[in-house]
Amino acid sequence: MSAKNTLARKAAKAAAKHTAHGTASKLKRDPMRTATLLGVGGALGAVAGWMAGRTGAALGQHRLLSRS
């Protein structure tokens, strides 16, 4: 494994730990606000993913039809 990949992996691991620690800390301080923000973020992410999937499927369908 190259030094670049190792460094990137360590950075990703540190970022994940930092995010988890911050989320746990916020959850202890203000659980209702944290739960609300996480729920809203999850819902927005799900909608964005669904829309991206639909757009991708529509583009793929259009490309298949235009080849005929």
C-alpha atoms as a PDB file:
ATOM      1  CA  MET A   1       0.000   0.000   0.000  1.00  0.00           C
ATOM      2  CA  SER A   2       1.396   3.386  -0.926  1.00  0.00           C
ATOM      3  CA  ALA A   3       2.078   6.148   1.561  1.00  0.00           C
ATOM      4  CA  LYS A   4      -0.619   8.261  -0.084  1.00  0.00           C
ATOM      5  CA  ASN A   5      -3.280   5.576   0.464  1.00  0.00           C
ATOM      6  CA  THR A   6      -2.148   5.026   4.045  1.00  0.00           C
ATOM      7  CA  LEU A   7      -2.334   8.734   4.794  1.00  0.00           C
ATOM      8  CA  ALA A   8      -5.786   9.006   3.207  1.00  0.00           C
ATOM      9  CA  ARG A   9      -7.028   6.025   5.219  1.00  0.00           C
ATOM     10  CA  LYS A  10      -5.704   7.507   8.484  1.00  0.00           C
ATOM     11  CA  ALA A  11      -7.318  10.864   7.687  1.00  0.00           C
ATOM     12  CA  ALA A  12     -10.677   9.210   6.974  1.00  0.00           C
ATOM     13  CA  LYS A  13     -10.461   7.222  10.206  1.00  0.00           C
ATOM     14  CA  ALA A  14      -9.654  10.353  12.219  1.00  0.00           C
ATOM     15  CA  ALA A  15     -12.526  12.260  10.593  1.00  0.00           C
ATOM     16  CA  ALA A  16     -14.958   9.435  11.380  1.00  0.00           C
ATOM     17  CA  LYS A  17     -13.829   9.331  15.026  1.00  0.00           C
ATOM     18  CA  HIS A  18     -14.117  13.099  15.314  1.00  0.00           C
ATOM     19  CA  THR A  19     -17.634  13.065  13.834  1.00  0.00           C
ATOM     20  CA  ALA A  20     -18.757  10.220  16.109  1.00  0.00           C
ATOM     21  CA  HIS A  21     -17.346  11.942  19.184  1.00  0.00           C
ATOM     22  CA  GLY A  22     -18.998  15.253  18.270  1.00  0.00           C
ATOM     23  CA  THR A  23     -22.355  13.608  17.632  1.00  0.00           C
ATOM     24  CA  ALA A  24     -22.221  11.731  20.948  1.00  0.00           C
ATOM     25  CA  SER A  25     -21.275  14.916  22.786  1.00  0.00           C
ATOM     26  CA  LYS A  26     -24.131  16.888  21.220  1.00  0.00           C
ATOM     27  CA  LEU A  27     -26.559  14.065  21.955  1.00  0.00           C
ATOM     28  CA  LYS A  28     -25.681  14.263  25.649  1.00  0.00           C
ATOM     29  CA  ARG A  29     -26.085  18.055  25.775  1.00  0.00           C
ATOM     30  CA  ASP A  30     -29.309  18.471  23.818  1.00  0.00           C
ATOM     31  CA  PRO A  31     -30.887  15.162  22.775  1.00  0.00           C
ATOM     32  CA  MET A  32     -34.080  16.559  21.230  1.00  0.00           C
ATOM     33  CA  ARG A  33     -32.271  19.035  18.982  1.00  0.00           C
ATOM     34  CA  THR A  34     -29.731  16.416  17.916  1.00  0.00           C
ATOM     35  CA  ALA A  35     -32.404  13.857  17.116  1.00  0.00           C
ATOM     36  CA  THR A  36     -34.343  16.445  15.115  1.00  0.00           C
ATOM     37  CA  LEU A  37     -31.312  17.544  13.118  1.00  0.00           C
ATOM     38  CA  LEU A  38     -30.226  13.956  12.446  1.00  0.00           C
ATOM     39  CA  GLY A  39     -33.746  13.046  11.365  1.00  0.00           C
ATOM     40  CA  VAL A  40     -34.069  16.031   9.042  1.00  0.00           C
ATOM     41  CA  GLY A  41     -30.608  15.391   7.600  1.00  0.00           C
ATOM     42  CA  GLY A  42     -31.420  11.741   7.031  1.00  0.00           C
ATOM     43  CA  ALA A  43     -34.714  12.576   5.357  1.00  0.00           C
ATOM     44  CA  LEU A  44     -33.083  15.168   3.081  1.00  0.00           C
ATOM     45  CA  GLY A  45     -30.338  12.695   2.224  1.00  0.00           C
ATOM     46  CA  ALA A  46     -32.890  10.021   1.383  1.00  0.00           C
ATOM     47  CA  VAL A  47     -34.844  12.401  -0.860  1.00  0.00           C
ATOM     48  CA  ALA A  48     -31.658  13.558  -2.591  1.00  0.00           C
ATOM     49  CA  GLY A  49     -30.574   9.947  -3.145  1.00  0.00           C
ATOM     50  CA  TRP A  50     -33.980   8.999  -4.502  1.00  0.00           C
ATOM     51  CA  MET A  51     -33.983  11.960  -6.878  1.00  0.00           C
ATOM     52  CA  ALA A  52     -30.441  11.184  -8.052  1.00  0.00           C
ATOM     53  CA  GLY A  53     -31.457   7.581  -8.645  1.00  0.00           C
ATOM     54  CA  ARG A  54     -34.519   8.589 -10.608  1.00  0.00           C
ATOM     55  CA  THR A  55     -32.508  11.059 -12.694  1.00  0.00           C
ATOM     56  CA  GLY A  56     -29.843   8.444 -13.353  1.00  0.00           C
ATOM     57  CA  ALA A  57     -32.448   5.881 -14.327  1.00  0.00           C
ATOM     58  CA  ALA A  58     -34.193   8.379 -16.609  1.00  0.00           C
ATOM     59  CA  LEU A  59     -30.906   9.326 -18.271  1.00  0.00           C
ATOM     60  CA  GLY A  60     -30.007   5.669 -18.725  1.00  0.00           C
ATOM     61  CA  GLN A  61     -33.421   4.962 -20.240  1.00  0.00           C
ATOM     62  CA  HIS A  62     -33.040   7.940 -22.595  1.00  0.00           C
ATOM     63  CA  ARG A  63     -29.599   6.756 -23.737  1.00  0.00           C
ATOM     64  CA  LEU A  64     -30.934   3.268 -24.420  1.00  0.00           C
ATOM     65  CA  LEU A  65     -33.816   4.636 -26.461  1.00  0.00           C
ATOM     66  CA  SER A  66     -31.619   7.048 -28.420  1.00  0.00           C
ATOM     67  CA  ARG A  67     -29.338   4.190 -29.554  1.00  0.00           C
ATOM     68  CA  SER A  68     -32.179   2.379 -31.291  1.00  0.00           C
END
